[in-house]
Amino acid sequence: MIVGESLSLVGLGAIMGGFAAFAISRALSSFLYSVTAADPITYLIVILLLGSAAALASVIPARPATSVDPIHALRYE
């Protein structure tokens, strides 16, 4: 459940960031070397790298949390 919520936020951020990057890339096109301002491969690679890092960052703490008995966790609180 937590991983799903975090990945939905990552997806929303990727969509919003993609649109913002596409809009800003026109202004920054003079700084790009051998890449067009609207290079879809570069956008796709960056989105996949950041998405996989965010997925890993949400899965790592969620795995040990699934092995804890809920009764013990509630008693601890």
PDB file of N, CA and C in Angstrom:
ATOM      1  N   MET A   1       0.826  -1.181   0.000  1.00  0.00           N
ATOM      2  CA  MET A   1       0.000   0.000   0.000  1.00  0.00           C
ATOM      3  C   MET A   1       0.878   1.256   0.000  1.00  0.00           C
ATOM      4  N   ILE A   2       1.883   1.277   0.847  1.00  0.00           N
ATOM      5  CA  ILE A   2       2.750   2.447   0.935  1.00  0.00           C
ATOM      6  C   ILE A   2       3.577   2.603  -0.331  1.00  0.00           C
ATOM      7  N   VAL A   3       4.072   1.499  -0.861  1.00  0.00           N
ATOM      8  CA  VAL A   3       4.853   1.554  -2.094  1.00  0.00           C
ATOM      9  C   VAL A   3       3.981   2.044  -3.242  1.00  0.00           C
ATOM     10  N   GLY A   4       2.739   1.596  -3.294  1.00  0.00           N
ATOM     11  CA  GLY A   4       1.823   2.050  -4.340  1.00  0.00           C
ATOM     12  C   GLY A   4       1.549   3.541  -4.261  1.00  0.00           C
ATOM     13  N   GLU A   5       1.360   4.048  -3.040  1.00  0.00           N
ATOM     14  CA  GLU A   5       1.127   5.486  -2.868  1.00  0.00           C
ATOM     15  C   GLU A   5       2.360   6.288  -3.266  1.00  0.00           C
ATOM     16  N   SER A   6       3.516   5.809  -2.877  1.00  0.00           N
ATOM     17  CA  SER A   6       4.728   6.563  -3.216  1.00  0.00           C
ATOM     18  C   SER A   6       4.989   6.526  -4.719  1.00  0.00           C
ATOM     19  N   LEU A   7       4.710   5.395  -5.359  1.00  0.00           N
ATOM     20  CA  LEU A   7       4.913   5.325  -6.810  1.00  0.00           C
ATOM     21  C   LEU A   7       3.896   6.164  -7.569  1.00  0.00           C
ATOM     22  N   SER A   8       2.698   6.337  -7.017  1.00  0.00           N
ATOM     23  CA  SER A   8       1.747   7.234  -7.678  1.00  0.00           C
ATOM     24  C   SER A   8       2.225   8.682  -7.586  1.00  0.00           C
ATOM     25  N   LEU A   9       2.824   9.046  -6.468  1.00  0.00           N
ATOM     26  CA  LEU A   9       3.396  10.392  -6.351  1.00  0.00           C
ATOM     27  C   LEU A   9       4.592  10.568  -7.280  1.00  0.00           C
ATOM     28  N   VAL A  10       5.383   9.520  -7.433  1.00  0.00           N
ATOM     29  CA  VAL A  10       6.518   9.563  -8.353  1.00  0.00           C
ATOM     30  C   VAL A  10       6.020   9.736  -9.787  1.00  0.00           C
ATOM     31  N   GLY A  11       4.964   9.037 -10.144  1.00  0.00           N
ATOM     32  CA  GLY A  11       4.394   9.173 -11.484  1.00  0.00           C
ATOM     33  C   GLY A  11       3.871  10.569 -11.744  1.00  0.00           C
ATOM     34  N   LEU A  12       3.186  11.125 -10.755  1.00  0.00           N
ATOM     35  CA  LEU A  12       2.685  12.496 -10.894  1.00  0.00           C
ATOM     36  C   LEU A  12       3.841  13.478 -11.027  1.00  0.00           C
ATOM     37  N   GLY A  13       4.866  13.297 -10.233  1.00  0.00           N
ATOM     38  CA  GLY A  13       6.041  14.166 -10.323  1.00  0.00           C
ATOM     39  C   GLY A  13       6.772  14.020 -11.644  1.00  0.00           C
ATOM     40  N   ALA A  14       6.813  12.801 -12.172  1.00  0.00           N
ATOM     41  CA  ALA A  14       7.465  12.581 -13.466  1.00  0.00           C
ATOM     42  C   ALA A  14       6.704  13.267 -14.587  1.00  0.00           C
ATOM     43  N   ILE A  15       5.388  13.218 -14.532  1.00  0.00           N
ATOM     44  CA  ILE A  15       4.585  13.891 -15.560  1.00  0.00           C
ATOM     45  C   ILE A  15       4.750  15.400 -15.471  1.00  0.00           C
ATOM     46  N   MET A  16       4.640  15.943 -14.270  1.00  0.00           N
ATOM     47  CA  MET A  16       4.784  17.393 -14.106  1.00  0.00           C
ATOM     48  C   MET A  16       6.203  17.843 -14.437  1.00  0.00           C
ATOM     49  N   GLY A  17       7.189  17.077 -14.004  1.00  0.00           N
ATOM     50  CA  GLY A  17       8.580  17.419 -14.296  1.00  0.00           C
ATOM     51  C   GLY A  17       8.902  17.314 -15.773  1.00  0.00           C
ATOM     52  N   GLY A  18       8.294  16.344 -16.444  1.00  0.00           N
ATOM     53  CA  GLY A  18       8.503  16.206 -17.884  1.00  0.00           C
ATOM     54  C   GLY A  18       7.986  17.411 -18.653  1.00  0.00           C
ATOM     55  N   PHE A  19       6.797  17.865 -18.277  1.00  0.00           N
ATOM     56  CA  PHE A  19       6.250  19.054 -18.938  1.00  0.00           C
ATOM     57  C   PHE A  19       7.092  20.297 -18.637  1.00  0.00           C
ATOM     58  N   ALA A  20       7.533  20.426 -17.386  1.00  0.00           N
ATOM     59  CA  ALA A  20       8.355  21.584 -17.021  1.00  0.00           C
ATOM     60  C   ALA A  20       9.708  21.538 -17.716  1.00  0.00           C
ATOM     61  N   ALA A  21      10.301  20.361 -17.799  1.00  0.00           N
ATOM     62  CA  ALA A  21      11.599  20.229 -18.465  1.00  0.00           C
ATOM     63  C   ALA A  21      11.481  20.529 -19.954  1.00  0.00           C
ATOM     64  N   PHE A  22      10.388  20.089 -20.562  1.00  0.00           N
ATOM     65  CA  PHE A  22      10.180  20.369 -21.982  1.00  0.00           C
ATOM     66  C   PHE A  22      10.016  21.867 -22.215  1.00  0.00           C
ATOM     67  N   ALA A  23       9.331  22.551 -21.305  1.00  0.00           N
ATOM     68  CA  ALA A  23       9.128  23.993 -21.447  1.00  0.00           C
ATOM     69  C   ALA A  23      10.426  24.765 -21.224  1.00  0.00           C
ATOM     70  N   ILE A  24      11.219  24.339 -20.253  1.00  0.00           N
ATOM     71  CA  ILE A  24      12.454  25.053 -19.926  1.00  0.00           C
ATOM     72  C   ILE A  24      13.573  24.736 -20.921  1.00  0.00           C
ATOM     73  N   SER A  25      13.509  23.571 -21.548  1.00  0.00           N
ATOM     74  CA  SER A  25      14.598  23.172 -22.438  1.00  0.00           C
ATOM     75  C   SER A  25      14.735  24.088 -23.647  1.00  0.00           C
ATOM     76  N   ARG A  26      13.685  24.723 -24.027  1.00  0.00           N
ATOM     77  CA  ARG A  26      13.777  25.685 -25.135  1.00  0.00           C
ATOM     78  C   ARG A  26      14.707  26.837 -24.768  1.00  0.00           C
ATOM     79  N   ALA A  27      14.615  27.293 -23.523  1.00  0.00           N
ATOM     80  CA  ALA A  27      15.465  28.398 -23.085  1.00  0.00           C
ATOM     81  C   ALA A  27      16.909  27.948 -22.878  1.00  0.00           C
ATOM     82  N   LEU A  28      17.103  26.696 -22.533  1.00  0.00           N
ATOM     83  CA  LEU A  28      18.440  26.188 -22.249  1.00  0.00           C
ATOM     84  C   LEU A  28      19.075  25.467 -23.440  1.00  0.00           C
ATOM     85  N   SER A  29      18.483  25.568 -24.602  1.00  0.00           N
ATOM     86  CA  SER A  29      18.977  24.814 -25.754  1.00  0.00           C
ATOM     87  C   SER A  29      20.379  25.227 -26.182  1.00  0.00           C
ATOM     88  N   SER A  30      20.800  26.425 -25.849  1.00  0.00           N
ATOM     89  CA  SER A  30      22.149  26.851 -26.222  1.00  0.00           C
ATOM     90  C   SER A  30      23.220  26.138 -25.391  1.00  0.00           C
ATOM     91  N   PHE A  31      22.844  25.589 -24.221  1.00  0.00           N
ATOM     92  CA  PHE A  31      23.805  24.891 -23.367  1.00  0.00           C
ATOM     93  C   PHE A  31      23.909  23.404 -23.689  1.00  0.00           C
ATOM     94  N   LEU A  32      22.993  22.880 -24.488  1.00  0.00           N
ATOM     95  CA  LEU A  32      22.974  21.451 -24.785  1.00  0.00           C
ATOM     96  C   LEU A  32      23.968  21.127 -25.889  1.00  0.00           C
ATOM     97  N   TYR A  33      24.668  20.027 -25.730  1.00  0.00           N
ATOM     98  CA  TYR A  33      25.667  19.617 -26.708  1.00  0.00           C
ATOM     99  C   TYR A  33      25.204  18.337 -27.384  1.00  0.00           C
ATOM    100  N   SER A  34      25.017  18.380 -28.656  1.00  0.00           N
ATOM    101  CA  SER A  34      24.590  17.271 -29.520  1.00  0.00           C
ATOM    102  C   SER A  34      23.284  16.613 -29.062  1.00  0.00           C
ATOM    103  N   VAL A  35      22.439  17.386 -28.417  1.00  0.00           N
ATOM    104  CA  VAL A  35      21.124  16.922 -28.003  1.00  0.00           C
ATOM    105  C   VAL A  35      20.130  18.004 -28.390  1.00  0.00           C
ATOM    106  N   THR A  36      19.041  17.598 -28.994  1.00  0.00           N
ATOM    107  CA  THR A  36      18.026  18.586 -29.347  1.00  0.00           C
ATOM    108  C   THR A  36      17.261  19.001 -28.097  1.00  0.00           C
ATOM    109  N   ALA A  37      16.524  20.090 -28.208  1.00  0.00           N
ATOM    110  CA  ALA A  37      15.793  20.607 -27.053  1.00  0.00           C
ATOM    111  C   ALA A  37      14.659  19.662 -26.639  1.00  0.00           C
ATOM    112  N   ALA A  38      14.152  18.884 -27.551  1.00  0.00           N
ATOM    113  CA  ALA A  38      13.047  17.980 -27.252  1.00  0.00           C
ATOM    114  C   ALA A  38      13.462  16.535 -27.526  1.00  0.00           C
ATOM    115  N   ASP A  39      14.569  16.093 -26.953  1.00  0.00           N
ATOM    116  CA  ASP A  39      15.071  14.743 -27.166  1.00  0.00           C
ATOM    117  C   ASP A  39      14.305  13.760 -26.279  1.00  0.00           C
ATOM    118  N   PRO A  40      13.421  12.943 -26.849  1.00  0.00           N
ATOM    119  CA  PRO A  40      12.596  12.065 -26.012  1.00  0.00           C
ATOM    120  C   PRO A  40      13.384  10.940 -25.349  1.00  0.00           C
ATOM    121  N   ILE A  41      14.460  10.499 -25.951  1.00  0.00           N
ATOM    122  CA  ILE A  41      15.257   9.423 -25.351  1.00  0.00           C
ATOM    123  C   ILE A  41      15.897   9.896 -24.043  1.00  0.00           C
ATOM    124  N   THR A  42      16.406  11.117 -24.036  1.00  0.00           N
ATOM    125  CA  THR A  42      17.011  11.667 -22.826  1.00  0.00           C
ATOM    126  C   THR A  42      15.978  11.816 -21.725  1.00  0.00           C
ATOM    127  N   TYR A  43      14.799  12.324 -22.078  1.00  0.00           N
ATOM    128  CA  TYR A  43      13.733  12.457 -21.082  1.00  0.00           C
ATOM    129  C   TYR A  43      13.334  11.101 -20.527  1.00  0.00           C
ATOM    130  N   LEU A  44      13.215  10.105 -21.387  1.00  0.00           N
ATOM    131  CA  LEU A  44      12.811   8.771 -20.960  1.00  0.00           C
ATOM    132  C   LEU A  44      13.854   8.147 -20.034  1.00  0.00           C
ATOM    133  N   ILE A  45      15.121   8.303 -20.367  1.00  0.00           N
ATOM    134  CA  ILE A  45      16.186   7.737 -19.528  1.00  0.00           C
ATOM    135  C   ILE A  45      16.202   8.392 -18.150  1.00  0.00           C
ATOM    136  N   VAL A  46      16.060   9.692 -18.115  1.00  0.00           N
ATOM    137  CA  VAL A  46      16.077  10.405 -16.829  1.00  0.00           C
ATOM    138  C   VAL A  46      14.865  10.019 -15.993  1.00  0.00           C
ATOM    139  N   ILE A  47      13.696   9.928 -16.616  1.00  0.00           N
ATOM    140  CA  ILE A  47      12.493   9.546 -15.874  1.00  0.00           C
ATOM    141  C   ILE A  47      12.621   8.127 -15.335  1.00  0.00           C
ATOM    142  N   LEU A  48      13.166   7.213 -16.138  1.00  0.00           N
ATOM    143  CA  LEU A  48      13.337   5.841 -15.668  1.00  0.00           C
ATOM    144  C   LEU A  48      14.355   5.743 -14.537  1.00  0.00           C
ATOM    145  N   LEU A  49      15.458   6.486 -14.636  1.00  0.00           N
ATOM    146  CA  LEU A  49      16.461   6.457 -13.564  1.00  0.00           C
ATOM    147  C   LEU A  49      15.915   7.028 -12.259  1.00  0.00           C
ATOM    148  N   LEU A  50      15.248   8.167 -12.343  1.00  0.00           N
ATOM    149  CA  LEU A  50      14.697   8.769 -11.131  1.00  0.00           C
ATOM    150  C   LEU A  50      13.543   7.941 -10.573  1.00  0.00           C
ATOM    151  N   GLY A  51      12.743   7.360 -11.446  1.00  0.00           N
ATOM    152  CA  GLY A  51      11.647   6.514 -10.988  1.00  0.00           C
ATOM    153  C   GLY A  51      12.135   5.252 -10.310  1.00  0.00           C
ATOM    154  N   SER A  52      13.188   4.646 -10.859  1.00  0.00           N
ATOM    155  CA  SER A  52      13.719   3.439 -10.219  1.00  0.00           C
ATOM    156  C   SER A  52      14.388   3.773  -8.887  1.00  0.00           C
ATOM    157  N   ALA A  53      15.022   4.920  -8.779  1.00  0.00           N
ATOM    158  CA  ALA A  53      15.613   5.328  -7.496  1.00  0.00           C
ATOM    159  C   ALA A  53      14.520   5.577  -6.463  1.00  0.00           C
ATOM    160  N   ALA A  54      13.428   6.201  -6.868  1.00  0.00           N
ATOM    161  CA  ALA A  54      12.325   6.446  -5.942  1.00  0.00           C
ATOM    162  C   ALA A  54      11.638   5.141  -5.543  1.00  0.00           C
ATOM    163  N   ALA A  55      11.506   4.210  -6.482  1.00  0.00           N
ATOM    164  CA  ALA A  55      10.907   2.915  -6.153  1.00  0.00           C
ATOM    165  C   ALA A  55      11.782   2.155  -5.173  1.00  0.00           C
ATOM    166  N   LEU A  56      13.066   2.181  -5.382  1.00  0.00           N
ATOM    167  CA  LEU A  56      13.990   1.517  -4.472  1.00  0.00           C
ATOM    168  C   LEU A  56      13.955   2.176  -3.098  1.00  0.00           C
ATOM    169  N   ALA A  57      13.843   3.488  -3.067  1.00  0.00           N
ATOM    170  CA  ALA A  57      13.795   4.205  -1.789  1.00  0.00           C
ATOM    171  C   ALA A  57      12.509   3.921  -1.025  1.00  0.00           C
ATOM    172  N   SER A  58      11.450   3.527  -1.698  1.00  0.00           N
ATOM    173  CA  SER A  58      10.220   3.193  -0.983  1.00  0.00           C
ATOM    174  C   SER A  58      10.121   1.712  -0.664  1.00  0.00           C
ATOM    175  N   VAL A  59      10.778   0.862  -1.438  1.00  0.00           N
ATOM    176  CA  VAL A  59      10.714  -0.583  -1.194  1.00  0.00           C
ATOM    177  C   VAL A  59      11.632  -0.996  -0.053  1.00  0.00           C
ATOM    178  N   ILE A  60      12.794  -0.370   0.059  1.00  0.00           N
ATOM    179  CA  ILE A  60      13.767  -0.770   1.083  1.00  0.00           C
ATOM    180  C   ILE A  60      13.184  -0.672   2.497  1.00  0.00           C
ATOM    181  N   PRO A  61      12.550   0.421   2.908  1.00  0.00           N
ATOM    182  CA  PRO A  61      11.978   0.427   4.258  1.00  0.00           C
ATOM    183  C   PRO A  61      10.666  -0.357   4.378  1.00  0.00           C
ATOM    184  N   ALA A  62       9.979  -0.589   3.259  1.00  0.00           N
ATOM    185  CA  ALA A  62       8.695  -1.293   3.330  1.00  0.00           C
ATOM    186  C   ALA A  62       8.875  -2.792   3.532  1.00  0.00           C
ATOM    187  N   ARG A  63       9.958  -3.362   3.032  1.00  0.00           N
ATOM    188  CA  ARG A  63      10.171  -4.814   3.176  1.00  0.00           C
ATOM    189  C   ARG A  63      10.293  -5.251   4.630  1.00  0.00           C
ATOM    190  N   PRO A  64      11.134  -4.617   5.442  1.00  0.00           N
ATOM    191  CA  PRO A  64      11.177  -5.046   6.852  1.00  0.00           C
ATOM    192  C   PRO A  64       9.875  -4.769   7.594  1.00  0.00           C
ATOM    193  N   ALA A  65       9.139  -3.750   7.164  1.00  0.00           N
ATOM    194  CA  ALA A  65       7.876  -3.428   7.840  1.00  0.00           C
ATOM    195  C   ALA A  65       6.831  -4.504   7.604  1.00  0.00           C
ATOM    196  N   THR A  66       6.926  -5.240   6.512  1.00  0.00           N
ATOM    197  CA  THR A  66       5.952  -6.290   6.261  1.00  0.00           C
ATOM    198  C   THR A  66       6.189  -7.522   7.125  1.00  0.00           C
ATOM    199  N   SER A  67       7.376  -7.670   7.677  1.00  0.00           N
ATOM    200  CA  SER A  67       7.657  -8.845   8.503  1.00  0.00           C
ATOM    201  C   SER A  67       7.273  -8.642   9.971  1.00  0.00           C
ATOM    202  N   VAL A  68       6.895  -7.434  10.347  1.00  0.00           N
ATOM    203  CA  VAL A  68       6.520  -7.148  11.729  1.00  0.00           C
ATOM    204  C   VAL A  68       5.047  -7.506  11.937  1.00  0.00           C
ATOM    205  N   ASP A  69       4.775  -8.204  13.029  1.00  0.00           N
ATOM    206  CA  ASP A  69       3.398  -8.548  13.376  1.00  0.00           C
ATOM    207  C   ASP A  69       2.663  -7.272  13.795  1.00  0.00           C
ATOM    208  N   PRO A  70       1.497  -6.988  13.224  1.00  0.00           N
ATOM    209  CA  PRO A  70       0.786  -5.738  13.557  1.00  0.00           C
ATOM    210  C   PRO A  70       0.440  -5.616  15.036  1.00  0.00           C
ATOM    211  N   ILE A  71       0.147  -6.717  15.697  1.00  0.00           N
ATOM    212  CA  ILE A  71      -0.186  -6.671  17.122  1.00  0.00           C
ATOM    213  C   ILE A  71       1.006  -6.179  17.940  1.00  0.00           C
ATOM    214  N   HIS A  72       2.193  -6.673  17.611  1.00  0.00           N
ATOM    215  CA  HIS A  72       3.399  -6.239  18.323  1.00  0.00           C
ATOM    216  C   HIS A  72       3.704  -4.769  18.038  1.00  0.00           C
ATOM    217  N   ALA A  73       3.483  -4.343  16.817  1.00  0.00           N
ATOM    218  CA  ALA A  73       3.728  -2.947  16.483  1.00  0.00           C
ATOM    219  C   ALA A  73       2.755  -2.025  17.215  1.00  0.00           C
ATOM    220  N   LEU A  74       1.507  -2.431  17.313  1.00  0.00           N
ATOM    221  CA  LEU A  74       0.522  -1.605  18.030  1.00  0.00           C
ATOM    222  C   LEU A  74       0.780  -1.606  19.533  1.00  0.00           C
ATOM    223  N   ARG A  75       1.229  -2.706  20.080  1.00  0.00           N
ATOM    224  CA  ARG A  75       1.546  -2.744  21.514  1.00  0.00           C
ATOM    225  C   ARG A  75       2.749  -1.882  21.831  1.00  0.00           C
ATOM    226  N   TYR A  76       3.687  -1.811  20.922  1.00  0.00           N
ATOM    227  CA  TYR A  76       4.886  -1.009  21.135  1.00  0.00           C
ATOM    228  C   TYR A  76       4.521   0.465  21.203  1.00  0.00           C
ATOM    229  N   GLU A  77       3.565   0.878  20.389  1.00  0.00           N
ATOM    230  CA  GLU A  77       3.156   2.281  20.368  1.00  0.00           C
ATOM    231  C   GLU A  77       2.401   2.579  21.630  1.00  0.00           C
TER     232      GLU A  77
END
